[in-house]
N, C-alpha and C. Protein backbone atom coordinates (compact mmCIF):
# COMPACT_ATOMS: atom_id res chain seq x y z
N MET A 1 195.96 4.57 -274.14
CA MET A 1 196.20 4.08 -272.79
C MET A 1 195.86 5.18 -271.79
N SER A 2 195.14 4.82 -270.77
CA SER A 2 194.87 5.77 -269.70
C SER A 2 195.79 5.47 -268.52
N ALA A 3 196.23 6.51 -267.86
CA ALA A 3 197.15 6.37 -266.74
C ALA A 3 196.41 6.61 -265.43
N HIS A 4 196.81 5.87 -264.40
CA HIS A 4 196.20 5.99 -263.08
C HIS A 4 197.29 6.02 -262.02
N MET A 5 197.04 6.76 -260.96
CA MET A 5 197.91 6.76 -259.78
C MET A 5 197.09 6.18 -258.64
N ARG A 6 197.65 5.23 -257.94
CA ARG A 6 196.98 4.63 -256.80
C ARG A 6 197.74 5.04 -255.55
N LEU A 7 197.04 5.65 -254.61
CA LEU A 7 197.63 6.14 -253.37
C LEU A 7 197.20 5.21 -252.24
N CYS A 8 198.16 4.62 -251.54
CA CYS A 8 197.85 3.59 -250.55
C CYS A 8 198.31 3.98 -249.15
N ASN A 9 197.52 3.60 -248.16
CA ASN A 9 197.88 3.70 -246.74
C ASN A 9 197.88 2.29 -246.18
N PHE A 10 198.99 1.86 -245.59
CA PHE A 10 198.97 0.53 -245.01
C PHE A 10 199.74 0.43 -243.71
N THR A 11 200.07 1.54 -243.08
CA THR A 11 200.75 1.48 -241.79
C THR A 11 199.83 2.00 -240.71
N GLY A 12 200.14 1.61 -239.50
CA GLY A 12 199.36 2.07 -238.35
C GLY A 12 198.53 0.95 -237.75
N PRO A 13 198.17 1.10 -236.50
CA PRO A 13 197.42 0.04 -235.81
C PRO A 13 196.01 -0.14 -236.34
N GLN A 14 195.48 0.85 -237.04
CA GLN A 14 194.12 0.73 -237.55
C GLN A 14 194.04 -0.17 -238.79
N TYR A 15 195.18 -0.62 -239.34
CA TYR A 15 195.20 -1.48 -240.51
C TYR A 15 195.90 -2.81 -240.17
N PRO A 16 195.28 -3.66 -239.36
CA PRO A 16 195.96 -4.90 -238.94
C PRO A 16 196.16 -5.91 -240.05
N ASN A 17 195.40 -5.84 -241.14
CA ASN A 17 195.52 -6.83 -242.21
C ASN A 17 196.45 -6.39 -243.32
N SER A 18 197.19 -5.32 -243.13
CA SER A 18 198.01 -4.78 -244.21
C SER A 18 199.13 -5.73 -244.62
N ARG A 19 199.59 -6.59 -243.74
CA ARG A 19 200.67 -7.51 -244.11
C ARG A 19 200.19 -8.57 -245.09
N LYS A 20 198.89 -8.81 -245.15
CA LYS A 20 198.36 -9.79 -246.10
C LYS A 20 198.64 -9.41 -247.54
N CYS A 21 198.62 -8.12 -247.85
CA CYS A 21 198.81 -7.71 -249.24
C CYS A 21 200.23 -8.00 -249.71
N ARG A 22 201.19 -8.08 -248.81
CA ARG A 22 202.57 -8.39 -249.20
C ARG A 22 202.73 -9.87 -249.52
N SER A 23 201.88 -10.71 -248.94
CA SER A 23 202.00 -12.15 -249.16
C SER A 23 200.88 -12.66 -250.05
N ALA A 24 200.50 -11.88 -251.05
CA ALA A 24 199.45 -12.30 -251.98
C ALA A 24 199.92 -13.50 -252.79
N GLU A 25 198.97 -14.31 -253.26
CA GLU A 25 199.32 -15.50 -254.02
C GLU A 25 200.06 -15.15 -255.31
N ARG A 26 199.67 -14.07 -255.93
CA ARG A 26 200.23 -13.67 -257.21
C ARG A 26 200.70 -12.22 -257.11
N PRO A 27 201.91 -11.92 -257.55
CA PRO A 27 202.38 -10.52 -257.50
C PRO A 27 201.47 -9.61 -258.33
N PRO A 28 201.29 -8.36 -257.91
CA PRO A 28 200.41 -7.44 -258.65
C PRO A 28 200.82 -7.25 -260.11
N GLN A 29 202.11 -7.27 -260.42
CA GLN A 29 202.55 -7.08 -261.80
C GLN A 29 202.04 -8.22 -262.68
N GLU A 30 202.13 -9.45 -262.18
CA GLU A 30 201.68 -10.61 -262.94
C GLU A 30 200.16 -10.58 -263.13
N LEU A 31 199.44 -10.26 -262.07
CA LEU A 31 197.99 -10.15 -262.14
C LEU A 31 197.59 -9.02 -263.10
N GLY A 32 198.31 -7.90 -263.05
CA GLY A 32 198.03 -6.79 -263.94
C GLY A 32 198.20 -7.16 -265.41
N LYS A 33 199.26 -7.89 -265.72
CA LYS A 33 199.47 -8.31 -267.11
C LYS A 33 198.36 -9.22 -267.60
N MET A 34 197.87 -10.09 -266.71
CA MET A 34 196.77 -10.98 -267.09
C MET A 34 195.50 -10.18 -267.40
N LEU A 35 195.31 -9.06 -266.70
CA LEU A 35 194.10 -8.25 -266.88
C LEU A 35 194.28 -7.11 -267.88
N GLY A 36 195.49 -6.94 -268.42
CA GLY A 36 195.73 -5.88 -269.40
C GLY A 36 196.15 -4.55 -268.79
N VAL A 37 196.74 -4.60 -267.59
CA VAL A 37 197.19 -3.39 -266.91
C VAL A 37 198.71 -3.46 -266.78
N ASP A 38 199.39 -2.40 -267.15
CA ASP A 38 200.85 -2.33 -267.05
C ASP A 38 201.22 -1.46 -265.86
N ILE A 39 201.79 -2.07 -264.82
CA ILE A 39 202.23 -1.31 -263.64
C ILE A 39 203.61 -0.75 -263.96
N LYS A 40 203.67 0.56 -264.13
CA LYS A 40 204.90 1.23 -264.58
C LYS A 40 205.90 1.45 -263.46
N ALA A 41 205.43 1.90 -262.30
CA ALA A 41 206.35 2.24 -261.21
C ALA A 41 205.63 2.25 -259.88
N GLY A 42 206.40 2.07 -258.83
CA GLY A 42 205.89 2.19 -257.47
C GLY A 42 206.86 3.03 -256.66
N TYR A 43 206.33 3.92 -255.84
CA TYR A 43 207.16 4.82 -255.05
C TYR A 43 206.73 4.76 -253.59
N LEU A 44 207.69 4.61 -252.70
CA LEU A 44 207.39 4.74 -251.28
C LEU A 44 207.25 6.22 -250.98
N ALA A 45 206.29 6.56 -250.14
CA ALA A 45 206.00 7.96 -249.86
C ALA A 45 206.02 8.21 -248.36
N ILE A 46 206.11 9.47 -248.01
CA ILE A 46 206.12 9.89 -246.60
C ILE A 46 204.96 10.85 -246.39
N ARG A 47 204.34 10.78 -245.27
CA ARG A 47 203.23 11.65 -244.84
C ARG A 47 201.88 11.00 -245.10
N THR A 48 201.06 11.62 -245.95
CA THR A 48 199.67 11.20 -246.10
C THR A 48 199.52 9.78 -246.62
N TYR A 49 200.32 9.39 -247.59
CA TYR A 49 200.25 8.06 -248.18
C TYR A 49 201.58 7.34 -247.99
N ASP A 50 201.53 6.01 -247.95
CA ASP A 50 202.73 5.20 -247.77
C ASP A 50 203.31 4.69 -249.08
N LEU A 51 202.45 4.53 -250.08
CA LEU A 51 202.89 3.97 -251.35
C LEU A 51 202.09 4.62 -252.47
N THR A 52 202.76 4.93 -253.57
CA THR A 52 202.11 5.46 -254.76
C THR A 52 202.48 4.55 -255.92
N ILE A 53 201.48 4.11 -256.66
CA ILE A 53 201.70 3.19 -257.78
C ILE A 53 201.20 3.86 -259.06
N ARG A 54 202.02 3.84 -260.11
CA ARG A 54 201.65 4.39 -261.41
C ARG A 54 201.38 3.23 -262.36
N ALA A 55 200.19 3.20 -262.95
CA ALA A 55 199.81 2.11 -263.85
C ALA A 55 199.09 2.66 -265.07
N GLU A 56 199.15 1.90 -266.17
CA GLU A 56 198.45 2.26 -267.39
C GLU A 56 197.63 1.07 -267.86
N SER A 57 196.46 1.38 -268.43
CA SER A 57 195.61 0.32 -268.95
C SER A 57 194.90 0.80 -270.21
N ALA A 58 194.49 -0.15 -271.04
CA ALA A 58 193.78 0.19 -272.26
C ALA A 58 192.35 0.63 -271.96
N SER A 59 191.79 0.14 -270.86
CA SER A 59 190.42 0.51 -270.52
C SER A 59 190.28 0.71 -269.01
N ASP A 60 189.29 1.48 -268.64
CA ASP A 60 189.02 1.68 -267.22
C ASP A 60 188.49 0.40 -266.57
N ASP A 61 187.83 -0.45 -267.36
CA ASP A 61 187.31 -1.71 -266.82
C ASP A 61 188.45 -2.63 -266.36
N ALA A 62 189.53 -2.69 -267.14
CA ALA A 62 190.68 -3.52 -266.76
C ALA A 62 191.30 -3.02 -265.46
N MET A 63 191.41 -1.70 -265.33
CA MET A 63 191.97 -1.12 -264.11
C MET A 63 191.06 -1.42 -262.92
N ALA A 64 189.75 -1.30 -263.10
CA ALA A 64 188.82 -1.58 -262.02
C ALA A 64 188.91 -3.03 -261.57
N LYS A 65 189.05 -3.96 -262.51
CA LYS A 65 189.19 -5.39 -262.16
C LYS A 65 190.44 -5.62 -261.32
N LEU A 66 191.55 -5.00 -261.72
CA LEU A 66 192.79 -5.16 -260.97
C LEU A 66 192.65 -4.58 -259.57
N LEU A 67 192.11 -3.37 -259.46
CA LEU A 67 191.99 -2.73 -258.15
C LEU A 67 191.06 -3.49 -257.22
N LEU A 68 189.96 -4.00 -257.74
CA LEU A 68 189.04 -4.78 -256.91
C LEU A 68 189.66 -6.11 -256.48
N SER A 69 190.44 -6.71 -257.38
CA SER A 69 191.11 -7.95 -257.04
C SER A 69 192.13 -7.75 -255.93
N LEU A 70 192.91 -6.67 -256.02
CA LEU A 70 193.90 -6.38 -254.98
C LEU A 70 193.23 -5.98 -253.67
N ALA A 71 192.14 -5.23 -253.76
CA ALA A 71 191.44 -4.77 -252.55
C ALA A 71 190.82 -5.94 -251.79
N SER A 72 190.47 -7.00 -252.47
CA SER A 72 189.86 -8.15 -251.80
C SER A 72 190.86 -8.95 -250.97
N LYS A 73 192.14 -8.71 -251.17
CA LYS A 73 193.17 -9.45 -250.44
C LYS A 73 193.40 -8.94 -249.03
N ALA A 74 193.21 -7.66 -248.79
CA ALA A 74 193.45 -7.08 -247.46
C ALA A 74 192.67 -5.78 -247.33
N ASN A 75 192.43 -5.38 -246.11
CA ASN A 75 191.70 -4.14 -245.84
C ASN A 75 192.70 -2.99 -245.80
N VAL A 76 193.09 -2.52 -246.98
CA VAL A 76 194.04 -1.42 -247.10
C VAL A 76 193.35 -0.28 -247.83
N PRO A 77 193.18 0.87 -247.19
CA PRO A 77 192.50 1.99 -247.85
C PRO A 77 193.36 2.58 -248.97
N THR A 78 192.73 2.81 -250.10
CA THR A 78 193.43 3.40 -251.25
C THR A 78 192.58 4.47 -251.90
N THR A 79 193.23 5.29 -252.68
CA THR A 79 192.58 6.29 -253.51
C THR A 79 193.18 6.15 -254.90
N THR A 80 192.34 6.07 -255.92
CA THR A 80 192.83 5.95 -257.29
C THR A 80 192.46 7.21 -258.05
N VAL A 81 193.43 7.78 -258.75
CA VAL A 81 193.24 9.01 -259.48
C VAL A 81 193.62 8.76 -260.95
N LYS A 82 192.72 9.11 -261.87
CA LYS A 82 193.03 9.01 -263.28
C LYS A 82 193.79 10.27 -263.66
N VAL A 83 194.96 10.11 -264.27
CA VAL A 83 195.80 11.26 -264.59
C VAL A 83 195.94 11.39 -266.11
N HIS A 84 196.20 12.63 -266.54
CA HIS A 84 196.37 12.92 -267.97
C HIS A 84 197.71 13.62 -268.13
N SER A 85 198.41 13.27 -269.20
CA SER A 85 199.67 13.95 -269.44
C SER A 85 199.40 15.28 -270.15
N GLY A 86 200.25 16.21 -269.92
CA GLY A 86 200.09 17.52 -270.54
C GLY A 86 200.80 18.58 -269.72
N ARG A 87 200.94 19.71 -270.29
CA ARG A 87 201.61 20.82 -269.61
C ARG A 87 200.60 21.66 -268.84
N ILE A 88 201.05 22.16 -267.73
CA ILE A 88 200.20 23.03 -266.91
C ILE A 88 200.67 24.46 -267.06
């Protein structure tokens, strides 16, 4: 399983469609399960990003399908980072 962190910005006047993502037809967890992605946790953040989501998937293709599906619902800028567990 590969792990990903998704960093989202959805506040401010420059993002007028951000409320659309809250009223999506299908919750992201349900959509993720259909595509083979397990959304582990979501964290509200302060400063640069408003929301951080931790997800795991068996393949990068499944993660890309989920992210593109969610991105098509609203114009919300995001950054996705593939993370690896291990000691630093």
